[in-house]
Amino acid sequence: MTYAPPSGRERTELPDKTFPINVFTVCEPKSPSIPPHWHEHLEWMYIRRGSYRVQVDSLFEDVVEGDIVFVNSRRIHAAFPLGKQTELTAIVFNEAVIRNSALDSTEKKYILPIINNECIVPAIFKAGGFATTCIEESLIRLMREFEHKQDGYELFVKAELLLCLGHVYRSAESGDERRKNRPEREGAISPVLRHLTERFHEALTVDEAAQMCSLSPNYFCNLFKKTTGKTFIEYVNMLRIIEADRLLRETDCSINEVAYRVGFSNLTYFGRVFKKLKNVSPSDLRRQLIT
């Protein structure tokens, strides 16, 4: 699975079309980050080691070992490591795995309200909570079944996914809010976050970004830093360097071409920012990959 496509949308290919689910691990040193992207599938992210700052739409929150993240379909999401020795497991699955074509009442009563965002469900499940512990146990069993693929493993995987969604549903806001068609709780900076997910390589000034969100530049900058933990420029540079790192590792593009493709017009500035974020220069990284 390849993250950070230029469009921002990840056209995730799940290997088995008849049972569309995949499990993979993101860790150092090659792929420590999951850049902002979205896809049609649902996803669990299970923090196995270290800490990350995760993004789900306009929500940014720090998570640590044992925390679990739930991502619904078509949600922008990302995970940025905070320090070294980080590892997370992502479980990506299509809604087809958990639906039953309305053969009983559970799909309409529980599954569709989650998939269609008709109930307000948490994105972050913190370690130690009852729901988190139950979800963690289910995900561990699911990963074991998916790895060994013994006869009937699909039944066990599906059962564990349904158990997890049961805890998601019980953790949703209670009362009439479960059934109300509600407006999306998008943050004020969501328009620019979505724009950057797909077009981070294009020039965008602070004034233009603020206008995109119908905010004054000063308020936009303060809100952006408060929400993401980074300035607007720092966030844009982070997205560009993540993609540059991927291109340097996975293609034979020259360093000049990589810098240009991710949005840097000044090669010296590109090298300085890359080294600041990756603790290695682009040329040194290339040499390390060759040796």
Protein backbone atom coordinates (compact mmCIF):
# COMPACT_ATOMS: atom_id res chain seq x y z
CA MET A 1 0.00 0.00 0.00
CA THR A 2 1.42 3.39 -1.00
CA TYR A 3 0.60 6.55 0.89
CA ALA A 4 0.76 10.20 -0.20
CA PRO A 5 -0.44 10.05 -3.79
CA PRO A 6 -0.39 13.49 -5.45
CA SER A 7 -4.19 13.68 -5.48
CA GLY A 8 -4.54 13.20 -1.71
CA ARG A 9 -7.01 10.41 -2.32
CA GLU A 10 -5.54 6.99 -1.75
CA ARG A 11 -7.01 4.50 -4.18
CA THR A 12 -6.36 1.68 -1.78
CA GLU A 13 -6.25 -1.72 -3.42
CA LEU A 14 -7.44 -4.40 -1.02
CA PRO A 15 -5.99 -7.68 -2.31
CA ASP A 16 -9.05 -9.92 -2.02
CA LYS A 17 -12.03 -8.34 -3.77
CA THR A 18 -14.35 -10.92 -2.21
CA PHE A 19 -13.14 -10.10 1.32
CA PRO A 20 -11.81 -6.53 1.12
CA ILE A 21 -9.58 -6.00 4.14
CA ASN A 22 -5.86 -5.46 4.64
CA VAL A 23 -3.56 -5.21 7.67
CA PHE A 24 -0.18 -3.50 7.56
CA THR A 25 2.38 -1.92 9.86
CA VAL A 26 3.96 1.53 9.67
CA CYS A 27 7.24 1.92 11.52
CA GLU A 28 10.76 3.27 11.31
CA PRO A 29 12.93 3.75 9.44
CA LYS A 30 11.36 3.63 5.97
CA SER A 31 7.76 4.74 6.53
CA PRO A 32 7.32 6.33 9.96
CA SER A 33 4.54 8.72 8.83
CA ILE A 34 1.12 8.38 7.28
CA PRO A 35 0.62 11.65 5.37
CA PRO A 36 -2.87 13.17 5.09
CA HIS A 37 -5.03 11.19 2.68
CA TRP A 38 -8.51 9.72 2.37
CA HIS A 39 -10.13 6.67 0.84
CA GLU A 40 -13.49 4.97 0.55
CA HIS A 41 -12.76 2.42 3.26
CA LEU A 42 -12.94 2.41 7.06
CA GLU A 43 -9.80 2.08 9.14
CA TRP A 44 -8.48 1.27 12.59
CA MET A 45 -5.07 2.56 13.66
CA TYR A 46 -3.58 0.77 16.66
CA ILE A 47 -0.57 2.48 18.27
CA ARG A 48 1.91 -0.29 19.07
CA ARG A 49 4.92 1.73 20.17
CA GLY A 50 5.91 5.36 20.80
CA SER A 51 3.62 8.33 20.21
CA TYR A 52 2.03 10.04 17.23
CA ARG A 53 0.09 13.16 16.43
CA VAL A 54 -2.93 11.91 14.50
CA GLN A 55 -5.27 13.87 12.29
CA VAL A 56 -8.87 12.91 11.54
CA ASP A 57 -10.37 15.69 9.44
CA SER A 58 -9.82 18.84 11.54
CA LEU A 59 -9.16 16.91 14.77
CA PHE A 60 -5.49 16.76 15.80
CA GLU A 61 -4.57 14.82 18.93
CA ASP A 62 -1.49 13.19 20.42
CA VAL A 63 -1.80 9.45 20.95
CA VAL A 64 0.50 6.97 22.68
CA GLU A 65 1.06 3.23 22.89
CA GLY A 66 -2.23 1.43 23.44
CA ASP A 67 -4.42 4.19 22.02
CA ILE A 68 -6.67 3.33 19.07
CA VAL A 69 -7.98 5.56 16.28
CA PHE A 70 -11.18 4.97 14.30
CA VAL A 71 -11.43 6.52 10.82
CA ASN A 72 -14.69 6.45 8.91
CA SER A 73 -14.97 6.37 5.13
CA ARG A 74 -13.81 9.46 3.19
CA ARG A 75 -12.21 11.09 6.24
CA ILE A 76 -8.87 12.83 5.85
CA HIS A 77 -6.50 11.14 8.26
CA ALA A 78 -2.79 11.10 9.03
CA ALA A 79 -0.30 10.02 11.68
CA PHE A 80 2.96 11.84 12.36
CA PRO A 81 5.50 10.24 14.74
CA LEU A 82 6.59 12.20 17.80
CA GLY A 83 10.15 11.05 18.31
CA LYS A 84 11.77 7.77 17.38
CA GLN A 85 10.88 4.11 18.01
CA THR A 86 7.32 4.42 16.70
CA GLU A 87 5.06 1.75 15.26
CA LEU A 88 1.38 1.46 14.43
CA THR A 89 -0.78 -1.14 12.75
CA ALA A 90 -3.49 -0.06 10.32
CA ILE A 91 -6.48 -2.24 9.53
CA VAL A 92 -8.27 -1.02 6.40
CA PHE A 93 -11.55 -2.60 5.35
CA ASN A 94 -14.41 -1.88 3.02
CA GLU A 95 -17.94 -1.56 4.37
CA ALA A 96 -18.88 -4.65 2.36
CA VAL A 97 -17.17 -6.77 5.04
CA ILE A 98 -19.54 -5.62 7.77
CA ARG A 99 -22.81 -5.17 5.87
CA ASN A 100 -25.40 -7.93 5.50
CA SER A 101 -27.64 -6.56 2.71
CA ALA A 102 -30.38 -5.76 5.24
CA LEU A 103 -31.00 -9.44 5.94
CA ASP A 104 -31.69 -8.53 9.56
CA SER A 105 -32.22 -5.34 11.55
CA THR A 106 -28.59 -4.82 12.64
CA GLU A 107 -27.43 -3.14 9.42
CA LYS A 108 -30.13 -0.46 9.48
CA LYS A 109 -30.12 -0.06 13.26
CA TYR A 110 -26.37 0.04 13.97
CA ILE A 111 -24.05 -0.25 10.96
CA LEU A 112 -25.55 2.31 8.58
CA PRO A 113 -25.77 5.09 11.22
CA ILE A 114 -22.01 4.73 11.72
CA ILE A 115 -21.09 4.47 8.04
CA ASN A 116 -23.39 7.35 7.05
CA ASN A 117 -22.22 9.60 9.89
CA GLU A 118 -25.70 9.74 11.39
CA CYS A 119 -24.33 9.33 14.89
CA ILE A 120 -21.41 11.16 16.44
CA VAL A 121 -18.74 8.58 17.15
CA PRO A 122 -15.34 9.16 18.78
CA ALA A 123 -12.21 9.05 16.65
CA ILE A 124 -9.81 8.45 19.54
CA PHE A 125 -10.05 5.62 22.07
CA LYS A 126 -7.53 6.19 24.86
CA ALA A 127 -5.66 3.30 26.43
CA GLY A 128 -7.11 1.95 29.66
CA GLY A 129 -10.76 2.67 28.94
CA PHE A 130 -13.22 -0.21 28.90
CA ALA A 131 -14.16 0.25 25.23
CA THR A 132 -10.50 0.63 24.23
CA THR A 133 -9.51 -2.55 26.04
CA CYS A 134 -12.29 -4.52 24.35
CA ILE A 135 -11.43 -3.08 20.93
CA GLU A 136 -7.73 -3.78 21.45
CA GLU A 137 -8.43 -7.42 22.32
CA SER A 138 -10.59 -7.79 19.21
CA LEU A 139 -8.00 -6.15 16.94
CA ILE A 140 -5.25 -8.42 18.27
CA ARG A 141 -7.37 -11.50 17.61
CA LEU A 142 -8.27 -10.12 14.17
CA MET A 143 -4.61 -9.55 13.26
CA ARG A 144 -3.71 -13.06 14.35
CA GLU A 145 -6.49 -14.58 12.24
CA PHE A 146 -5.57 -12.41 9.23
CA GLU A 147 -1.91 -13.38 9.50
CA HIS A 148 -2.42 -17.15 9.73
CA LYS A 149 -5.48 -17.39 7.46
CA GLN A 150 -6.64 -20.75 8.73
CA ASP A 151 -9.88 -22.18 7.37
CA GLY A 152 -12.76 -19.94 8.35
CA TYR A 153 -10.56 -16.97 9.26
CA GLU A 154 -12.92 -14.64 7.42
CA LEU A 155 -15.71 -15.44 9.88
CA PHE A 156 -13.48 -14.61 12.85
CA VAL A 157 -12.21 -11.38 11.24
CA LYS A 158 -15.75 -10.26 10.45
CA ALA A 159 -16.90 -11.12 13.96
CA GLU A 160 -14.11 -9.06 15.52
CA LEU A 161 -14.89 -6.07 13.27
CA LEU A 162 -18.53 -6.22 14.32
CA LEU A 163 -17.51 -6.40 17.99
CA CYS A 164 -15.36 -3.30 17.51
CA LEU A 165 -18.19 -1.42 15.81
CA GLY A 166 -20.49 -2.40 18.65
CA HIS A 167 -18.18 -0.55 21.03
CA VAL A 168 -17.98 2.37 18.59
CA TYR A 169 -21.78 2.56 18.57
CA ARG A 170 -22.04 2.38 22.37
CA SER A 171 -19.43 5.13 22.64
CA ALA A 172 -21.39 7.44 20.35
CA GLU A 173 -23.30 10.39 21.76
CA SER A 174 -26.44 9.06 23.36
CA GLY A 175 -30.05 10.05 23.05
CA ASP A 176 -31.75 11.55 20.01
CA GLU A 177 -28.40 12.70 18.58
CA ARG A 178 -27.83 9.13 17.41
CA ARG A 179 -30.64 9.39 14.90
CA LYS A 180 -30.40 13.00 13.80
CA ASN A 181 -29.00 13.87 10.43
CA ARG A 182 -26.47 16.37 11.69
CA PRO A 183 -24.19 18.83 9.91
CA GLU A 184 -20.57 17.74 9.81
CA ARG A 185 -18.55 19.06 12.73
CA GLU A 186 -15.88 20.47 10.48
CA GLY A 187 -13.43 22.91 11.99
CA ALA A 188 -12.99 26.35 10.54
CA ILE A 189 -9.69 25.40 8.90
CA SER A 190 -11.05 22.24 7.26
CA PRO A 191 -11.24 23.79 3.76
CA VAL A 192 -7.54 24.52 3.71
CA LEU A 193 -6.64 21.15 5.24
CA ARG A 194 -8.53 19.37 2.47
CA HIS A 195 -6.95 21.65 -0.14
CA LEU A 196 -3.45 20.91 1.16
CA THR A 197 -4.08 17.18 1.22
CA GLU A 198 -4.56 17.25 -2.54
CA ARG A 199 -2.47 20.26 -3.61
CA PHE A 200 0.30 20.76 -1.06
CA HIS A 201 2.83 21.12 -3.87
CA GLU A 202 1.15 24.28 -5.18
CA ALA A 203 1.97 27.76 -3.89
CA LEU A 204 -0.52 29.07 -1.32
CA THR A 205 -0.01 32.19 0.75
CA VAL A 206 -1.31 32.70 4.27
CA ASP A 207 -3.70 35.36 2.98
CA GLU A 208 -5.08 32.98 0.35
CA ALA A 209 -5.45 30.18 2.90
CA ALA A 210 -7.24 32.50 5.32
CA GLN A 211 -9.58 33.67 2.59
CA MET A 212 -10.35 30.05 1.74
CA CYS A 213 -11.60 29.65 5.33
CA SER A 214 -13.33 33.04 5.45
CA LEU A 215 -11.05 34.15 8.30
CA SER A 216 -8.72 37.08 8.84
CA PRO A 217 -5.03 36.17 8.32
CA ASN A 218 -4.13 36.75 11.98
CA TYR A 219 -7.01 34.69 13.32
CA PHE A 220 -6.35 31.98 10.75
CA CYS A 221 -2.69 31.70 11.78
CA ASN A 222 -3.55 31.50 15.47
CA LEU A 223 -6.30 28.94 14.91
CA PHE A 224 -4.16 26.85 12.56
CA LYS A 225 -1.33 26.65 15.10
CA LYS A 226 -3.75 25.88 17.94
CA THR A 227 -5.43 23.10 15.93
CA THR A 228 -2.48 21.41 14.26
CA GLY A 229 0.36 22.28 16.63
CA LYS A 230 2.28 23.76 13.70
CA THR A 231 2.35 27.05 11.86
CA PHE A 232 0.85 27.10 8.40
CA ILE A 233 4.30 27.15 6.78
CA GLU A 234 5.58 24.35 9.03
CA TYR A 235 2.59 22.18 8.12
CA VAL A 236 2.98 22.76 4.38
CA ASN A 237 6.71 22.04 4.57
CA MET A 238 6.04 18.85 6.52
CA LEU A 239 3.68 17.54 3.82
CA ARG A 240 6.19 18.42 1.11
CA ILE A 241 9.13 16.79 2.87
CA ILE A 242 7.17 13.59 3.56
CA GLU A 243 6.46 13.33 -0.16
CA ALA A 244 10.05 14.28 -1.04
CA ASP A 245 11.34 11.51 1.22
CA ARG A 246 9.09 9.01 -0.56
CA LEU A 247 10.24 10.16 -3.99
CA LEU A 248 13.90 9.98 -3.02
CA ARG A 249 13.43 6.43 -1.73
CA GLU A 250 11.11 5.03 -4.39
CA THR A 251 12.07 6.81 -7.65
CA ASP A 252 15.19 7.74 -9.55
CA CYS A 253 14.18 11.41 -9.84
CA SER A 254 17.04 13.84 -9.33
CA ILE A 255 17.09 15.89 -6.13
CA ASN A 256 16.34 18.99 -8.19
CA GLU A 257 13.31 17.31 -9.74
CA VAL A 258 12.08 16.05 -6.35
CA ALA A 259 12.32 19.55 -4.88
CA TYR A 260 10.38 21.00 -7.80
CA ARG A 261 7.70 18.30 -7.76
CA VAL A 262 6.87 18.82 -4.08
CA GLY A 263 6.70 22.60 -4.38
CA PHE A 264 10.15 24.03 -3.58
CA SER A 265 11.52 26.51 -6.11
CA ASN A 266 14.76 27.07 -4.15
CA LEU A 267 17.01 24.01 -3.89
CA THR A 268 19.03 25.42 -0.98
CA TYR A 269 15.88 26.07 1.04
CA PHE A 270 14.60 22.59 0.18
CA GLY A 271 17.81 21.02 1.48
CA ARG A 272 17.70 23.06 4.68
CA VAL A 273 14.09 22.16 5.44
CA PHE A 274 14.63 18.50 4.53
CA LYS A 275 17.61 18.18 6.86
CA LYS A 276 15.75 19.93 9.68
CA LEU A 277 12.82 17.51 9.47
CA LYS A 278 14.65 14.30 8.54
CA ASN A 279 18.04 14.86 10.25
CA VAL A 280 19.77 14.03 6.99
CA SER A 281 20.32 15.96 3.77
CA PRO A 282 18.65 14.78 0.53
CA SER A 283 22.02 13.94 -1.01
CA ASP A 284 23.15 11.98 2.07
CA LEU A 285 19.88 10.06 2.10
CA ARG A 286 20.39 9.11 -1.55
CA ARG A 287 23.92 7.92 -0.80
CA GLN A 288 22.66 5.83 2.12
CA LEU A 289 20.09 4.18 -0.14
CA ILE A 290 22.72 3.27 -2.71
CA THR A 291 25.17 1.72 -0.25
